[in-house]
Amino acid sequence: MNKEFVPYEQALALKELGFDEPCMSSRDMNNGEGLIQLPLYQQAFRWFREKYKLIAYPQWRIDNTWDITIQQLDGYGLLSGQTTLSVIKKSTYEEAESACLDKLIEIVKNGNTNN
């Protein structure tokens, strides 16, 4: 079940971006300043979708790899124009999922959203 939860480093980055939703798991922060919530991957992806209108969806490829495409929805909830922000290709779904979360964090940190 632990693989369903976002790792500590990503959870910390999410907290820095303002993620503050209740989670099923938490962990002591490395600096001893309390607990950090450890969301499920699906919670983190939902948060990016709802707050920043960023969606990520996986596709299995014929060469036995996984692509995860990140796109942004417009104000009407539709994909518009040049919306593909990133395509991540990894050999396993779990690797692609983790790399995708890193990329979503990077996109928001760098202000590359229409939000």
N, C-alpha and C. Protein backbone atom coordinates (compact mmCIF):
# COMPACT_ATOMS: atom_id res chain seq x y z
N MET A 1 0.82 -1.20 0.00
CA MET A 1 0.00 0.00 0.00
C MET A 1 0.86 1.26 0.00
N ASN A 2 2.07 1.20 0.51
CA ASN A 2 2.92 2.39 0.57
C ASN A 2 3.19 3.00 -0.79
N LYS A 3 3.20 2.19 -1.85
CA LYS A 3 3.48 2.74 -3.18
C LYS A 3 2.34 3.60 -3.70
N GLU A 4 1.20 3.60 -3.02
CA GLU A 4 0.07 4.45 -3.41
C GLU A 4 0.25 5.88 -2.93
N PHE A 5 1.14 6.09 -1.95
CA PHE A 5 1.35 7.41 -1.37
C PHE A 5 2.52 8.12 -2.04
N VAL A 6 2.38 9.43 -2.16
CA VAL A 6 3.44 10.28 -2.70
C VAL A 6 4.63 10.22 -1.74
N PRO A 7 5.86 10.08 -2.25
CA PRO A 7 7.04 10.08 -1.37
C PRO A 7 7.20 11.42 -0.63
N TYR A 8 7.94 11.37 0.46
CA TYR A 8 8.13 12.53 1.34
C TYR A 8 8.57 13.78 0.57
N GLU A 9 9.58 13.66 -0.29
CA GLU A 9 10.12 14.82 -1.00
C GLU A 9 9.05 15.49 -1.87
N GLN A 10 8.25 14.68 -2.55
CA GLN A 10 7.19 15.24 -3.38
C GLN A 10 6.08 15.83 -2.50
N ALA A 11 5.78 15.19 -1.39
CA ALA A 11 4.77 15.73 -0.47
C ALA A 11 5.20 17.08 0.08
N LEU A 12 6.48 17.22 0.39
CA LEU A 12 7.01 18.49 0.88
C LEU A 12 6.89 19.57 -0.20
N ALA A 13 7.21 19.22 -1.44
CA ALA A 13 7.07 20.18 -2.55
C ALA A 13 5.61 20.57 -2.75
N LEU A 14 4.70 19.61 -2.62
CA LEU A 14 3.27 19.92 -2.74
C LEU A 14 2.84 20.88 -1.62
N LYS A 15 3.33 20.65 -0.41
CA LYS A 15 2.99 21.53 0.71
C LYS A 15 3.47 22.95 0.41
N GLU A 16 4.66 23.07 -0.15
CA GLU A 16 5.20 24.39 -0.49
C GLU A 16 4.36 25.10 -1.55
N LEU A 17 3.66 24.32 -2.39
CA LEU A 17 2.78 24.90 -3.41
C LEU A 17 1.39 25.22 -2.85
N GLY A 18 1.12 24.80 -1.60
CA GLY A 18 -0.16 25.10 -0.98
C GLY A 18 -1.09 23.93 -0.80
N PHE A 19 -0.63 22.72 -1.10
CA PHE A 19 -1.47 21.54 -0.87
C PHE A 19 -1.71 21.39 0.62
N ASP A 20 -2.99 21.37 1.02
CA ASP A 20 -3.31 21.26 2.45
C ASP A 20 -4.55 20.41 2.70
N GLU A 21 -4.77 19.44 1.85
CA GLU A 21 -5.95 18.59 1.98
C GLU A 21 -5.70 17.47 3.00
N PRO A 22 -6.77 17.00 3.65
CA PRO A 22 -6.62 15.88 4.58
C PRO A 22 -6.14 14.63 3.85
N CYS A 23 -5.24 13.91 4.49
CA CYS A 23 -4.68 12.70 3.88
C CYS A 23 -4.76 11.54 4.88
N MET A 24 -4.69 10.34 4.34
CA MET A 24 -4.76 9.13 5.17
C MET A 24 -3.45 8.85 5.91
N SER A 25 -2.36 9.49 5.47
CA SER A 25 -1.07 9.21 6.07
C SER A 25 -0.29 10.51 6.25
N SER A 26 0.60 10.52 7.23
CA SER A 26 1.47 11.67 7.46
C SER A 26 2.81 11.16 7.99
N ARG A 27 3.75 12.07 8.03
CA ARG A 27 5.09 11.70 8.49
C ARG A 27 5.73 12.91 9.17
N ASP A 28 6.57 12.67 10.16
CA ASP A 28 7.29 13.78 10.79
C ASP A 28 8.18 14.45 9.76
N MET A 29 8.18 15.77 9.80
CA MET A 29 9.06 16.51 8.90
C MET A 29 10.50 16.32 9.36
N ASN A 30 11.42 16.34 8.41
CA ASN A 30 12.84 16.11 8.73
C ASN A 30 13.40 17.13 9.70
N ASN A 31 12.85 18.35 9.70
CA ASN A 31 13.37 19.38 10.59
C ASN A 31 12.68 19.38 11.96
N GLY A 32 11.81 18.42 12.19
CA GLY A 32 11.14 18.30 13.48
C GLY A 32 10.03 19.31 13.70
N GLU A 33 9.57 19.98 12.68
CA GLU A 33 8.56 21.02 12.81
C GLU A 33 7.15 20.51 12.54
N GLY A 34 6.84 19.33 13.00
CA GLY A 34 5.49 18.82 12.87
C GLY A 34 5.35 17.75 11.81
N LEU A 35 4.11 17.55 11.38
CA LEU A 35 3.79 16.50 10.42
C LEU A 35 3.58 17.06 9.03
N ILE A 36 3.89 16.24 8.06
CA ILE A 36 3.57 16.57 6.67
C ILE A 36 2.61 15.51 6.16
N GLN A 37 1.57 15.95 5.48
CA GLN A 37 0.59 15.04 4.92
C GLN A 37 1.19 14.32 3.71
N LEU A 38 0.94 13.02 3.61
CA LEU A 38 1.38 12.23 2.47
C LEU A 38 0.14 11.84 1.66
N PRO A 39 -0.15 12.58 0.59
CA PRO A 39 -1.34 12.25 -0.19
C PRO A 39 -1.14 11.01 -1.05
N LEU A 40 -2.25 10.42 -1.43
CA LEU A 40 -2.22 9.40 -2.46
C LEU A 40 -1.91 10.09 -3.78
N TYR A 41 -1.32 9.34 -4.72
CA TYR A 41 -1.06 9.92 -6.04
C TYR A 41 -2.34 10.49 -6.64
N GLN A 42 -3.45 9.77 -6.51
CA GLN A 42 -4.69 10.24 -7.12
C GLN A 42 -5.14 11.56 -6.50
N GLN A 43 -4.88 11.77 -5.20
CA GLN A 43 -5.22 13.04 -4.56
C GLN A 43 -4.38 14.17 -5.14
N ALA A 44 -3.09 13.91 -5.32
CA ALA A 44 -2.20 14.93 -5.85
C ALA A 44 -2.61 15.31 -7.28
N PHE A 45 -2.89 14.30 -8.11
CA PHE A 45 -3.29 14.59 -9.48
C PHE A 45 -4.63 15.33 -9.51
N ARG A 46 -5.56 14.96 -8.64
CA ARG A 46 -6.85 15.67 -8.57
C ARG A 46 -6.64 17.12 -8.17
N TRP A 47 -5.74 17.37 -7.22
CA TRP A 47 -5.45 18.72 -6.75
C TRP A 47 -4.91 19.58 -7.89
N PHE A 48 -3.98 19.05 -8.68
CA PHE A 48 -3.47 19.80 -9.83
C PHE A 48 -4.57 20.06 -10.85
N ARG A 49 -5.45 19.09 -11.04
CA ARG A 49 -6.55 19.25 -11.99
C ARG A 49 -7.51 20.34 -11.52
N GLU A 50 -7.88 20.30 -10.25
CA GLU A 50 -8.86 21.26 -9.74
C GLU A 50 -8.28 22.65 -9.54
N LYS A 51 -7.08 22.76 -9.03
CA LYS A 51 -6.49 24.06 -8.72
C LYS A 51 -5.85 24.73 -9.93
N TYR A 52 -5.18 23.96 -10.78
CA TYR A 52 -4.43 24.54 -11.90
C TYR A 52 -4.95 24.12 -13.26
N LYS A 53 -6.00 23.30 -13.28
CA LYS A 53 -6.57 22.80 -14.54
C LYS A 53 -5.53 22.03 -15.37
N LEU A 54 -4.60 21.37 -14.67
CA LEU A 54 -3.60 20.54 -15.31
C LEU A 54 -4.06 19.09 -15.23
N ILE A 55 -4.10 18.42 -16.36
CA ILE A 55 -4.49 17.01 -16.38
C ILE A 55 -3.32 16.19 -16.89
N ALA A 56 -3.25 14.98 -16.39
CA ALA A 56 -2.20 14.06 -16.81
C ALA A 56 -2.87 12.73 -17.11
N TYR A 57 -2.53 12.18 -18.25
CA TYR A 57 -3.13 10.88 -18.57
C TYR A 57 -2.07 9.96 -19.18
N PRO A 58 -2.14 8.67 -18.76
CA PRO A 58 -1.15 7.70 -19.23
C PRO A 58 -1.59 7.02 -20.52
N GLN A 59 -0.60 6.60 -21.28
CA GLN A 59 -0.83 5.79 -22.47
C GLN A 59 0.26 4.73 -22.53
N TRP A 60 -0.17 3.50 -22.69
CA TRP A 60 0.79 2.41 -22.88
C TRP A 60 1.17 2.38 -24.35
N ARG A 61 2.45 2.21 -24.63
CA ARG A 61 2.95 2.21 -25.99
C ARG A 61 3.31 0.80 -26.44
N ILE A 62 3.28 0.60 -27.72
CA ILE A 62 3.57 -0.70 -28.32
C ILE A 62 4.99 -1.18 -27.99
N ASP A 63 5.91 -0.24 -27.68
CA ASP A 63 7.28 -0.62 -27.32
C ASP A 63 7.42 -0.92 -25.83
N ASN A 64 6.28 -1.21 -25.17
CA ASN A 64 6.25 -1.56 -23.74
C ASN A 64 6.75 -0.44 -22.83
N THR A 65 6.48 0.79 -23.20
CA THR A 65 6.78 1.92 -22.34
C THR A 65 5.48 2.66 -22.03
N TRP A 66 5.57 3.58 -21.10
CA TRP A 66 4.42 4.41 -20.72
C TRP A 66 4.72 5.86 -21.04
N ASP A 67 3.79 6.52 -21.67
CA ASP A 67 3.83 7.97 -21.85
C ASP A 67 2.78 8.57 -20.94
N ILE A 68 3.12 9.66 -20.28
CA ILE A 68 2.11 10.44 -19.58
C ILE A 68 2.16 11.83 -20.16
N THR A 69 1.04 12.28 -20.67
CA THR A 69 0.92 13.59 -21.28
C THR A 69 0.29 14.54 -20.27
N ILE A 70 0.86 15.73 -20.16
CA ILE A 70 0.31 16.77 -19.29
C ILE A 70 -0.26 17.86 -20.18
N GLN A 71 -1.52 18.19 -19.94
CA GLN A 71 -2.17 19.24 -20.69
C GLN A 71 -2.90 20.16 -19.74
N GLN A 72 -3.23 21.37 -20.22
CA GLN A 72 -3.97 22.31 -19.40
C GLN A 72 -5.33 22.59 -20.02
N LEU A 73 -6.35 22.61 -19.17
CA LEU A 73 -7.70 22.92 -19.61
C LEU A 73 -7.88 24.43 -19.64
N ASP A 74 -8.75 24.90 -20.53
CA ASP A 74 -9.06 26.32 -20.55
C ASP A 74 -10.11 26.63 -19.50
N GLY A 75 -10.59 27.85 -19.45
CA GLY A 75 -11.56 28.27 -18.45
C GLY A 75 -12.90 27.56 -18.54
N TYR A 76 -13.16 26.90 -19.66
CA TYR A 76 -14.41 26.20 -19.85
C TYR A 76 -14.28 24.69 -19.62
N GLY A 77 -13.09 24.26 -19.19
CA GLY A 77 -12.87 22.83 -18.95
C GLY A 77 -12.58 22.05 -20.21
N LEU A 78 -12.17 22.76 -21.25
CA LEU A 78 -11.85 22.12 -22.52
C LEU A 78 -10.38 22.28 -22.85
N LEU A 79 -9.83 21.32 -23.57
CA LEU A 79 -8.47 21.47 -24.06
C LEU A 79 -8.51 22.48 -25.20
N SER A 80 -7.57 23.40 -25.21
CA SER A 80 -7.60 24.42 -26.25
C SER A 80 -6.21 24.66 -26.82
N GLY A 81 -6.14 24.89 -28.11
CA GLY A 81 -4.89 25.27 -28.77
C GLY A 81 -3.71 24.41 -28.43
N GLN A 82 -2.60 25.05 -28.15
CA GLN A 82 -1.35 24.38 -27.82
C GLN A 82 -1.31 24.09 -26.32
N THR A 83 -1.96 23.02 -25.91
CA THR A 83 -2.11 22.76 -24.48
C THR A 83 -1.15 21.71 -23.93
N THR A 84 -0.46 20.97 -24.78
CA THR A 84 0.44 19.94 -24.27
C THR A 84 1.66 20.60 -23.66
N LEU A 85 1.84 20.42 -22.37
CA LEU A 85 2.96 21.03 -21.66
C LEU A 85 4.14 20.09 -21.54
N SER A 86 3.89 18.80 -21.56
CA SER A 86 4.98 17.84 -21.40
C SER A 86 4.49 16.44 -21.75
N VAL A 87 5.39 15.63 -22.25
CA VAL A 87 5.14 14.20 -22.43
C VAL A 87 6.29 13.46 -21.77
N ILE A 88 5.96 12.59 -20.86
CA ILE A 88 6.97 11.86 -20.09
C ILE A 88 6.93 10.40 -20.52
N LYS A 89 8.08 9.86 -20.85
CA LYS A 89 8.17 8.47 -21.30
C LYS A 89 9.07 7.70 -20.35
N LYS A 90 8.52 6.62 -19.77
CA LYS A 90 9.26 5.78 -18.83
C LYS A 90 8.96 4.33 -19.11
N SER A 91 9.78 3.44 -18.55
CA SER A 91 9.60 2.02 -18.82
C SER A 91 8.51 1.38 -17.97
N THR A 92 8.17 1.95 -16.82
CA THR A 92 7.09 1.41 -16.01
C THR A 92 6.09 2.51 -15.69
N TYR A 93 4.87 2.11 -15.40
CA TYR A 93 3.84 3.08 -15.04
C TYR A 93 4.23 3.86 -13.79
N GLU A 94 4.77 3.17 -12.79
CA GLU A 94 5.14 3.82 -11.54
C GLU A 94 6.21 4.88 -11.75
N GLU A 95 7.20 4.59 -12.60
CA GLU A 95 8.22 5.59 -12.93
C GLU A 95 7.61 6.79 -13.62
N ALA A 96 6.70 6.53 -14.56
CA ALA A 96 6.04 7.61 -15.29
C ALA A 96 5.17 8.45 -14.36
N GLU A 97 4.47 7.81 -13.45
CA GLU A 97 3.60 8.52 -12.50
C GLU A 97 4.43 9.46 -11.61
N SER A 98 5.54 8.96 -11.09
CA SER A 98 6.40 9.77 -10.22
C SER A 98 7.03 10.93 -11.01
N ALA A 99 7.52 10.65 -12.21
CA ALA A 99 8.12 11.69 -13.04
C ALA A 99 7.07 12.74 -13.43
N CYS A 100 5.86 12.30 -13.65
CA CYS A 100 4.77 13.21 -13.98
C CYS A 100 4.49 14.15 -12.82
N LEU A 101 4.45 13.63 -11.61
CA LEU A 101 4.21 14.48 -10.45
C LEU A 101 5.34 15.49 -10.30
N ASP A 102 6.58 15.07 -10.50
CA ASP A 102 7.71 16.00 -10.47
C ASP A 102 7.53 17.11 -11.50
N LYS A 103 7.08 16.75 -12.69
CA LYS A 103 6.89 17.73 -13.76
C LYS A 103 5.76 18.70 -13.44
N LEU A 104 4.66 18.19 -12.88
CA LEU A 104 3.56 19.07 -12.48
C LEU A 104 4.03 20.08 -11.43
N ILE A 105 4.80 19.62 -10.47
CA ILE A 105 5.35 20.50 -9.43
C ILE A 105 6.22 21.57 -10.09
N GLU A 106 7.08 21.15 -11.01
CA GLU A 106 7.97 22.08 -11.71
C GLU A 106 7.18 23.12 -12.51
N ILE A 107 6.16 22.68 -13.21
CA ILE A 107 5.34 23.59 -14.02
C ILE A 107 4.72 24.68 -13.15
N VAL A 108 4.17 24.27 -12.01
CA VAL A 108 3.52 25.25 -11.11
C VAL A 108 4.57 26.15 -10.45
N LYS A 109 5.67 25.58 -9.99
CA LYS A 109 6.72 26.38 -9.37
C LYS A 109 7.25 27.46 -10.31
N ASN A 110 7.36 27.11 -11.60
CA ASN A 110 7.89 28.05 -12.58
C ASN A 110 6.82 28.98 -13.14
N GLY A 111 5.59 28.83 -12.67
CA GLY A 111 4.51 29.71 -13.10
C GLY A 111 4.07 29.49 -14.54
N ASN A 112 4.24 28.27 -15.03
CA ASN A 112 3.89 27.96 -16.42
C ASN A 112 2.46 27.47 -16.57
N THR A 113 1.54 28.11 -15.86
CA THR A 113 0.12 27.76 -15.99
C THR A 113 -0.65 29.03 -16.32
N ASN A 114 -1.85 28.83 -16.81
CA ASN A 114 -2.72 29.97 -17.11
C ASN A 114 -3.54 30.38 -15.91
N ASN A 115 -3.23 29.85 -14.75
CA ASN A 115 -4.00 30.12 -13.54
C ASN A 115 -3.54 31.38 -12.86
